[in-house]
Amino acid sequence: MSAARPFTTLRTVAALAALPLLLTACGYGSESHDDDPKSEVAAGAEKLSADEVRIGYFPNLTHATALVGVQEGLFQKELGGTTIKSSTFNAGPSEIEALNSGSIDIGWIGPSPAINGYTKADGKNLRIIGGSASGGVKLVVNPEKIKSEDDLKGKKIATPQLGNTQDVAFLNWIAEQGWKVDAQSGKGDVSVVRSDNKVTPDAYKSGSIDGAWVPEPTASKLVADGAKVLLDESDLWPDKKFVITNIIVSQKFLKEHPDVVEAVLRGSVKTNKWINANPDAAKASANEALEKLSGKALPAEVLDPAWKSITFLDDPLASTLDTEAEHAVKAGLLEQPDLKGIYDLAPLNKVLEAEGAAEVDDAGLGVQ
């Protein structure tokens, strides 16, 4: 088990968590959705301990477990008469605020907002209860301006948000090259430009950025616009695996409705199993869900390479989350956090055992 670390508070990154509240006033930047008919409660189905469970996720391919699980009715099948209600978010901080307010009970989310949310609340608001996806992050660049990693010096490279998962990863990679960048301003040997994934492709086409360290499908959208992949972040990690999407739950909901949490986890495990056994059908299902949410499906030249770069799995890859937190500390974006208790993998391991699968490990960061 890891040695306990003194708890301290977040700096700028934690402060960012409040920003979506100022922008959205209410609703936490979310959109509620009428779920697919496949997710309707079957007549006569028995309810669990809660009438409904409210889940949140992003309309992103890296959240395909949630997209497909809702779309195919795999969660609802496990929940019986308990209704599933879904909301989508465009940023991690807004999803954390929704969880804190009780607007959602369970969410799919990236490692950085999970870490930030947990530490900001003194470890009293959420638990990570499972994994969902690994990979799906690439450094893509303008091939006319950048032909090798050395050519990045002096160039403008976008990341989605100050202190987000990809921003931290890029800052850490820059430091490993021996280059200097001020984390807050993004100025230095490489200019780090914080750009929303929605506008990054236009910024690339206009020439205002020379590349981007971004998740899918933004990376493949840029490649479709003429960029090339310079680096796949998976190549920087042991076994080429690192957490990109976790499953989190409100501690209050976990305590009051453990049967519902277990049912959602069963749905997640069975969804990941179906995705991996039926990749083409799962890819089509995820794209259909994205079209319903955004009004536009991804074209094949974006969808196909993006899907191939993501691994769907139940293991939260806890040791990589701990490493990502250390990267944020080194970048000066996070004070040394105490992540003890951020995981509760007992419900997931119970589900995995019933499925005949191997248990997963919390890297010493689980509840005692």
Protein backbone atom coordinates (compact mmCIF):
# COMPACT_ATOMS: atom_id res chain seq x y z
CA MET A 1 0.00 0.00 0.00
CA SER A 2 1.16 3.54 -0.65
CA ALA A 3 2.35 5.64 2.24
CA ALA A 4 -0.17 8.19 3.48
CA ARG A 5 0.44 11.75 2.31
CA PRO A 6 -0.44 14.96 4.15
CA PHE A 7 -3.63 16.55 2.87
CA THR A 8 -3.34 19.99 1.37
CA THR A 9 -5.61 22.15 -0.73
CA LEU A 10 -5.81 22.80 -4.44
CA ARG A 11 -4.63 26.00 -6.03
CA THR A 12 -5.78 27.27 -9.38
CA VAL A 13 -7.06 23.97 -10.73
CA ALA A 14 -9.49 23.56 -7.86
CA ALA A 15 -10.69 27.11 -8.34
CA LEU A 16 -11.61 26.21 -11.90
CA ALA A 17 -14.23 23.81 -10.58
CA ALA A 18 -16.39 26.78 -9.57
CA LEU A 19 -16.24 28.43 -12.99
CA PRO A 20 -19.01 26.43 -14.69
CA LEU A 21 -21.40 27.52 -11.92
CA LEU A 22 -20.78 31.15 -12.83
CA LEU A 23 -21.35 30.38 -16.48
CA THR A 24 -24.44 28.22 -16.17
CA ALA A 25 -26.10 29.56 -13.00
CA CYS A 26 -28.13 26.36 -12.68
CA GLY A 27 -28.15 22.98 -14.29
CA TYR A 28 -24.34 22.73 -14.02
CA GLY A 29 -23.88 22.98 -17.78
CA SER A 30 -25.73 19.70 -18.30
CA GLU A 31 -28.39 18.53 -20.70
CA SER A 32 -30.96 15.95 -19.64
CA HIS A 33 -32.11 13.42 -22.19
CA ASP A 34 -35.00 11.11 -22.91
CA ASP A 35 -33.26 7.78 -23.09
CA ASP A 36 -33.54 5.27 -25.92
CA PRO A 37 -36.68 3.08 -25.90
CA LYS A 38 -34.39 0.13 -25.16
CA SER A 39 -33.79 1.75 -21.75
CA GLU A 40 -37.45 1.91 -20.79
CA VAL A 41 -38.45 0.00 -17.64
CA ALA A 42 -39.97 -3.37 -18.45
CA ALA A 43 -43.56 -3.86 -17.31
CA GLY A 44 -43.71 -5.45 -13.88
CA ALA A 45 -39.97 -5.13 -13.26
CA GLU A 46 -39.07 -4.97 -9.57
CA LYS A 47 -37.51 -1.77 -8.24
CA LEU A 48 -34.27 -1.73 -6.30
CA SER A 49 -33.82 0.49 -3.23
CA ALA A 50 -34.16 3.71 -5.27
CA ASP A 51 -36.90 4.74 -7.68
CA GLU A 52 -34.32 6.13 -10.08
CA VAL A 53 -30.58 6.60 -10.58
CA ARG A 54 -29.25 9.70 -12.30
CA ILE A 55 -26.07 9.25 -14.30
CA GLY A 56 -23.83 11.76 -16.05
CA TYR A 57 -21.30 11.43 -18.84
CA PHE A 58 -19.78 13.29 -21.79
CA PRO A 59 -20.90 12.99 -25.43
CA ASN A 60 -17.40 11.67 -26.20
CA LEU A 61 -16.11 8.37 -27.56
CA THR A 62 -13.99 7.95 -24.43
CA HIS A 63 -17.31 7.70 -22.56
CA ALA A 64 -18.65 5.03 -24.90
CA THR A 65 -19.39 2.63 -22.03
CA ALA A 66 -22.10 5.04 -20.88
CA LEU A 67 -23.21 5.93 -24.41
CA VAL A 68 -23.60 2.31 -25.46
CA GLY A 69 -24.90 1.04 -22.12
CA VAL A 70 -27.76 3.53 -22.20
CA GLN A 71 -28.34 3.21 -25.95
CA GLU A 72 -28.58 -0.60 -25.84
CA GLY A 73 -30.58 -0.77 -22.61
CA LEU A 74 -27.83 -2.76 -20.86
CA PHE A 75 -27.93 -0.62 -17.72
CA GLN A 76 -31.71 -0.63 -17.52
CA LYS A 77 -31.77 -4.42 -17.80
CA GLU A 78 -29.69 -4.68 -14.62
CA LEU A 79 -31.68 -1.99 -12.81
CA GLY A 80 -35.04 -3.73 -13.21
CA GLY A 81 -37.82 -1.37 -12.13
CA THR A 82 -35.41 1.39 -11.06
CA THR A 83 -35.42 4.07 -13.76
CA ILE A 84 -32.17 5.38 -15.25
CA LYS A 85 -32.01 9.10 -16.04
CA SER A 86 -29.05 10.49 -17.95
CA SER A 87 -27.48 13.92 -18.37
CA THR A 88 -24.49 14.93 -20.48
CA PHE A 89 -21.75 17.41 -19.65
CA ASN A 90 -19.06 19.19 -21.63
CA ALA A 91 -16.58 19.67 -18.78
CA GLY A 92 -15.45 17.72 -15.74
CA PRO A 93 -15.88 20.54 -13.20
CA SER A 94 -19.56 20.95 -14.11
CA GLU A 95 -20.15 17.22 -13.66
CA ILE A 96 -18.45 17.31 -10.25
CA GLU A 97 -20.67 20.21 -9.21
CA ALA A 98 -23.73 18.24 -10.33
CA LEU A 99 -22.59 15.27 -8.25
CA ASN A 100 -21.95 17.51 -5.23
CA SER A 101 -25.39 19.09 -5.54
CA GLY A 102 -27.18 15.76 -5.86
CA SER A 103 -28.25 16.42 -9.47
CA ILE A 104 -26.55 13.19 -10.51
CA ASP A 105 -25.63 10.10 -8.50
CA ILE A 106 -23.06 8.34 -10.70
CA GLY A 107 -20.82 9.74 -13.41
CA TRP A 108 -18.26 8.86 -16.05
CA ILE A 109 -15.39 11.33 -15.81
CA GLY A 110 -11.68 11.86 -16.43
CA PRO A 111 -8.96 11.46 -13.78
CA SER A 112 -8.08 15.12 -13.25
CA PRO A 113 -11.60 16.35 -12.36
CA ALA A 114 -12.06 13.28 -10.15
CA ILE A 115 -8.84 14.11 -8.27
CA ASN A 116 -9.68 17.81 -8.07
CA GLY A 117 -13.24 17.18 -6.92
CA TYR A 118 -12.17 14.70 -4.26
CA THR A 119 -9.45 16.87 -2.77
CA LYS A 120 -11.49 20.08 -2.89
CA ALA A 121 -14.22 18.36 -0.84
CA ASP A 122 -11.71 16.99 1.68
CA GLY A 123 -12.44 13.49 0.41
CA LYS A 124 -16.09 13.62 1.48
CA ASN A 125 -18.02 13.76 -1.78
CA LEU A 126 -17.12 10.99 -4.21
CA ARG A 127 -15.55 7.59 -4.68
CA ILE A 128 -14.11 6.08 -7.84
CA ILE A 129 -15.84 2.73 -8.18
CA GLY A 130 -14.62 1.49 -11.54
CA GLY A 131 -12.81 2.07 -14.78
CA SER A 132 -14.23 2.58 -18.23
CA ALA A 133 -11.59 3.49 -20.82
CA SER A 134 -7.88 3.81 -21.48
CA GLY A 135 -6.03 5.64 -24.24
CA GLY A 136 -7.59 7.79 -26.94
CA VAL A 137 -5.20 10.75 -26.53
CA LYS A 138 -2.76 11.93 -29.20
CA LEU A 139 -0.38 14.75 -30.05
CA VAL A 140 -1.28 15.78 -33.60
CA VAL A 141 0.59 18.47 -35.51
CA ASN A 142 0.81 20.42 -38.75
CA PRO A 143 3.23 18.30 -40.83
CA GLU A 144 4.41 21.34 -42.80
CA LYS A 145 5.65 23.03 -39.62
CA ILE A 146 6.51 20.08 -37.36
CA LYS A 147 8.30 17.01 -38.66
CA SER A 148 9.80 15.73 -35.39
CA GLU A 149 9.41 16.24 -31.66
CA ASP A 150 12.33 18.70 -31.68
CA ASP A 151 10.36 20.97 -34.03
CA LEU A 152 7.75 21.58 -31.31
CA LYS A 153 10.00 24.16 -29.67
CA GLY A 154 8.62 27.62 -30.37
CA LYS A 155 5.31 26.29 -31.68
CA LYS A 156 1.72 26.77 -30.44
CA ILE A 157 0.12 23.55 -29.20
CA ALA A 158 -3.44 23.38 -27.88
CA THR A 159 -4.76 21.48 -24.88
CA PRO A 160 -8.45 21.43 -23.84
CA GLN A 161 -8.29 23.35 -20.55
CA LEU A 162 -5.84 24.60 -17.94
CA GLY A 163 -5.20 21.73 -15.54
CA ASN A 164 -7.30 19.17 -17.38
CA THR A 165 -6.01 15.62 -17.93
CA GLN A 166 -4.43 16.31 -21.33
CA ASP A 167 -3.01 19.67 -20.23
CA VAL A 168 -1.22 18.01 -17.31
CA ALA A 169 0.09 15.21 -19.53
CA PHE A 170 1.47 17.66 -22.09
CA LEU A 171 3.11 19.85 -19.46
CA ASN A 172 4.75 16.78 -17.96
CA TRP A 173 5.98 15.63 -21.37
CA ILE A 174 7.41 19.11 -22.07
CA ALA A 175 9.31 19.02 -18.77
CA GLU A 176 10.73 15.60 -19.65
CA GLN A 177 12.18 17.12 -22.83
CA GLY A 178 14.05 19.63 -20.66
CA TRP A 179 11.98 22.56 -21.88
CA LYS A 180 10.48 25.26 -19.68
CA VAL A 181 6.85 26.42 -19.74
CA ASP A 182 4.96 28.48 -17.16
CA ALA A 183 2.00 26.26 -16.35
CA GLN A 184 -0.41 29.10 -15.60
CA SER A 185 0.22 31.28 -18.66
CA GLY A 186 1.31 28.51 -21.01
CA LYS A 187 4.24 30.65 -22.15
CA GLY A 188 7.72 29.26 -22.62
CA ASP A 189 9.78 27.10 -24.95
CA VAL A 190 6.46 25.77 -26.27
CA SER A 191 3.32 27.90 -26.22
CA VAL A 192 0.51 25.90 -24.58
CA VAL A 193 -2.80 27.27 -25.84
CA ARG A 194 -5.90 26.29 -23.85
CA SER A 195 -8.65 25.74 -26.41
CA ASP A 196 -12.05 24.07 -26.11
CA ASN A 197 -12.14 20.86 -28.14
CA LYS A 198 -15.12 22.23 -30.08
CA VAL A 199 -13.09 25.13 -31.50
CA THR A 200 -9.66 23.48 -31.78
CA PRO A 201 -10.24 22.15 -35.34
CA ASP A 202 -11.13 25.66 -36.55
CA ALA A 203 -8.12 27.08 -34.72
CA TYR A 204 -5.93 24.53 -36.49
CA LYS A 205 -7.40 25.30 -39.92
CA SER A 206 -6.91 29.05 -39.36
CA GLY A 207 -3.26 28.52 -38.44
CA SER A 208 -3.59 30.01 -34.95
CA ILE A 209 -2.27 26.73 -33.47
CA ASP A 210 0.32 24.33 -34.88
CA GLY A 211 -1.03 21.20 -33.24
CA ALA A 212 -2.84 19.83 -30.21
CA TRP A 213 -2.55 17.27 -27.41
CA VAL A 214 -6.17 16.16 -27.32
CA PRO A 215 -8.54 13.23 -26.75
CA GLU A 216 -10.61 11.48 -29.38
CA PRO A 217 -12.44 12.26 -31.54
CA THR A 218 -10.80 15.72 -31.68
CA ALA A 219 -7.43 14.19 -32.59
CA SER A 220 -8.90 12.30 -35.54
CA LYS A 221 -10.89 15.38 -36.62
CA LEU A 222 -7.57 17.26 -36.88
CA VAL A 223 -5.99 14.41 -38.83
CA ALA A 224 -8.94 14.55 -41.24
CA ASP A 225 -8.08 18.24 -41.68
CA GLY A 226 -4.50 17.42 -42.65
CA ALA A 227 -2.69 17.03 -39.32
CA LYS A 228 -0.52 14.01 -38.55
CA VAL A 229 -0.12 12.01 -35.36
CA LEU A 230 3.27 12.76 -33.84
CA LEU A 231 2.74 10.87 -30.58
CA ASP A 232 0.16 8.53 -29.06
CA GLU A 233 0.10 9.05 -25.29
CA SER A 234 -0.42 5.31 -24.76
CA ASP A 235 3.19 4.79 -25.86
CA LEU A 236 4.36 6.73 -22.78
CA TRP A 237 2.72 4.36 -20.25
CA PRO A 238 3.57 0.86 -19.00
CA ASP A 239 1.59 -1.75 -20.95
CA LYS A 240 0.33 1.21 -23.03
CA LYS A 241 -2.54 1.71 -20.57
CA PHE A 242 -3.58 4.80 -18.61
CA VAL A 243 -6.93 5.87 -17.26
CA ILE A 244 -8.88 8.31 -19.40
CA THR A 245 -12.37 7.64 -17.97
CA ASN A 246 -13.40 6.58 -14.43
CA ILE A 247 -16.77 5.84 -12.88
CA ILE A 248 -17.50 7.93 -9.79
CA VAL A 249 -20.38 7.86 -7.33
CA SER A 250 -21.69 10.13 -4.62
CA GLN A 251 -20.64 8.71 -1.24
CA LYS A 252 -24.14 9.42 0.04
CA PHE A 253 -25.74 7.46 -2.80
CA LEU A 254 -23.27 4.60 -2.40
CA LYS A 255 -24.11 4.33 1.30
CA GLU A 256 -27.88 4.55 0.85
CA HIS A 257 -28.27 2.49 -2.36
CA PRO A 258 -25.45 -0.05 -2.68
CA ASP A 259 -27.72 -2.40 -4.66
CA VAL A 260 -28.32 0.28 -7.30
CA VAL A 261 -24.60 1.05 -7.54
CA GLU A 262 -23.87 -2.65 -7.96
CA ALA A 263 -26.51 -2.89 -10.69
CA VAL A 264 -24.97 0.02 -12.61
CA LEU A 265 -21.55 -1.62 -12.29
CA ARG A 266 -22.95 -4.89 -13.61
CA GLY A 267 -24.34 -2.94 -16.53
CA SER A 268 -20.96 -1.31 -17.11
CA VAL A 269 -19.07 -4.60 -16.98
CA LYS A 270 -21.54 -6.26 -19.36
CA THR A 271 -21.44 -3.24 -21.68
CA ASN A 272 -17.64 -3.33 -21.88
CA LYS A 273 -17.80 -7.06 -22.55
CA TRP A 274 -20.31 -6.47 -25.37
CA ILE A 275 -18.23 -3.60 -26.80
CA ASN A 276 -15.10 -5.73 -26.93
CA ALA A 277 -16.94 -8.74 -28.40
CA ASN A 278 -18.81 -6.64 -30.99
CA PRO A 279 -16.53 -3.71 -31.87
CA ASP A 280 -18.25 -2.74 -35.13
CA ALA A 281 -21.75 -2.88 -33.69
CA ALA A 282 -20.58 -1.02 -30.57
CA LYS A 283 -18.90 1.65 -32.67
CA ALA A 284 -22.12 2.14 -34.63
CA SER A 285 -24.16 2.26 -31.41
CA ALA A 286 -21.87 4.90 -29.88
CA ASN A 287 -22.06 6.99 -33.04
CA GLU A 288 -25.85 6.71 -33.10
CA ALA A 289 -25.92 7.93 -29.50
CA LEU A 290 -23.61 10.84 -30.37
CA GLU A 291 -25.87 11.79 -33.27
CA LYS A 292 -28.88 11.90 -30.94
CA LEU A 293 -26.97 14.05 -28.45
CA SER A 294 -25.25 16.44 -30.86
CA GLY A 295 -27.41 16.22 -33.97
CA LYS A 296 -24.50 15.01 -36.07
CA ALA A 297 -22.81 11.63 -36.44
CA LEU A 298 -19.04 11.31 -36.82
CA PRO A 299 -17.86 10.56 -40.37
CA ALA A 300 -16.01 7.27 -40.90
CA GLU A 301 -12.65 8.99 -41.45
CA VAL A 302 -12.91 10.36 -37.90
CA LEU A 303 -14.84 7.58 -36.16
CA ASP A 304 -12.75 4.61 -37.30
CA PRO A 305 -9.25 5.73 -36.21
CA ALA A 306 -10.61 7.31 -33.03
CA TRP A 307 -12.40 4.10 -31.99
CA LYS A 308 -9.30 1.96 -32.62
CA SER A 309 -7.21 4.03 -30.21
CA ILE A 310 -9.50 3.53 -27.18
CA THR A 311 -9.50 0.45 -24.95
CA PHE A 312 -12.66 -0.26 -22.94
CA LEU A 313 -12.02 -1.99 -19.64
CA ASP A 314 -13.31 -2.34 -16.07
CA ASP A 315 -9.98 -1.80 -14.32
CA PRO A 316 -9.65 1.84 -13.15
CA LEU A 317 -5.86 1.59 -13.53
CA ALA A 318 -5.44 3.20 -10.12
CA SER A 319 -1.66 3.44 -10.23
CA THR A 320 -1.86 5.61 -13.36
CA LEU A 321 -4.29 8.00 -11.66
CA ASP A 322 -1.77 8.38 -8.83
CA THR A 323 0.95 9.09 -11.40
CA GLU A 324 -1.21 11.67 -13.15
CA ALA A 325 -1.73 13.43 -9.81
CA GLU A 326 2.05 13.52 -9.33
CA HIS A 327 2.44 15.05 -12.78
CA ALA A 328 0.02 17.85 -11.80
CA VAL A 329 2.02 18.45 -8.63
CA LYS A 330 5.29 18.68 -10.60
CA ALA A 331 3.67 21.13 -13.03
CA GLY A 332 2.69 23.39 -10.12
CA LEU A 333 -1.03 22.98 -10.80
CA LEU A 334 -1.81 20.89 -7.74
CA GLU A 335 -0.52 20.81 -4.18
CA GLN A 336 0.38 17.37 -2.89
CA PRO A 337 -2.99 15.62 -2.51
CA ASP A 338 -4.04 12.89 -0.12
CA LEU A 339 -5.86 10.41 -2.32
CA LYS A 340 -6.36 7.78 0.36
CA GLY A 341 -9.95 6.63 0.16
CA ILE A 342 -10.66 7.91 -3.35
CA TYR A 343 -11.39 4.32 -4.46
CA ASP A 344 -13.99 1.85 -3.30
CA LEU A 345 -13.63 -1.13 -5.60
CA ALA A 346 -15.41 -3.68 -3.41
CA PRO A 347 -18.70 -3.45 -5.37
CA LEU A 348 -16.88 -3.81 -8.70
CA ASN A 349 -14.81 -6.74 -7.48
CA LYS A 350 -18.00 -8.43 -6.31
CA VAL A 351 -19.45 -8.02 -9.81
CA LEU A 352 -16.23 -9.22 -11.46
CA GLU A 353 -16.09 -12.30 -9.25
CA ALA A 354 -19.66 -13.19 -10.23
CA GLU A 355 -18.65 -12.81 -13.89
CA GLY A 356 -15.63 -15.06 -13.39
CA ALA A 357 -13.22 -12.18 -14.01
CA ALA A 358 -10.10 -11.16 -12.08
CA GLU A 359 -10.34 -8.58 -9.32
CA VAL A 360 -8.85 -5.11 -9.81
CA ASP A 361 -6.48 -3.21 -7.52
CA ASP A 362 -6.79 0.23 -5.91
CA ALA A 363 -3.00 0.85 -5.69
CA GLY A 364 -3.29 1.42 -1.95
CA LEU A 365 -5.74 4.31 -2.41
CA GLY A 366 -8.91 2.50 -1.36
CA VAL A 367 -11.19 3.00 1.63
CA GLN A 368 -9.99 1.41 4.85
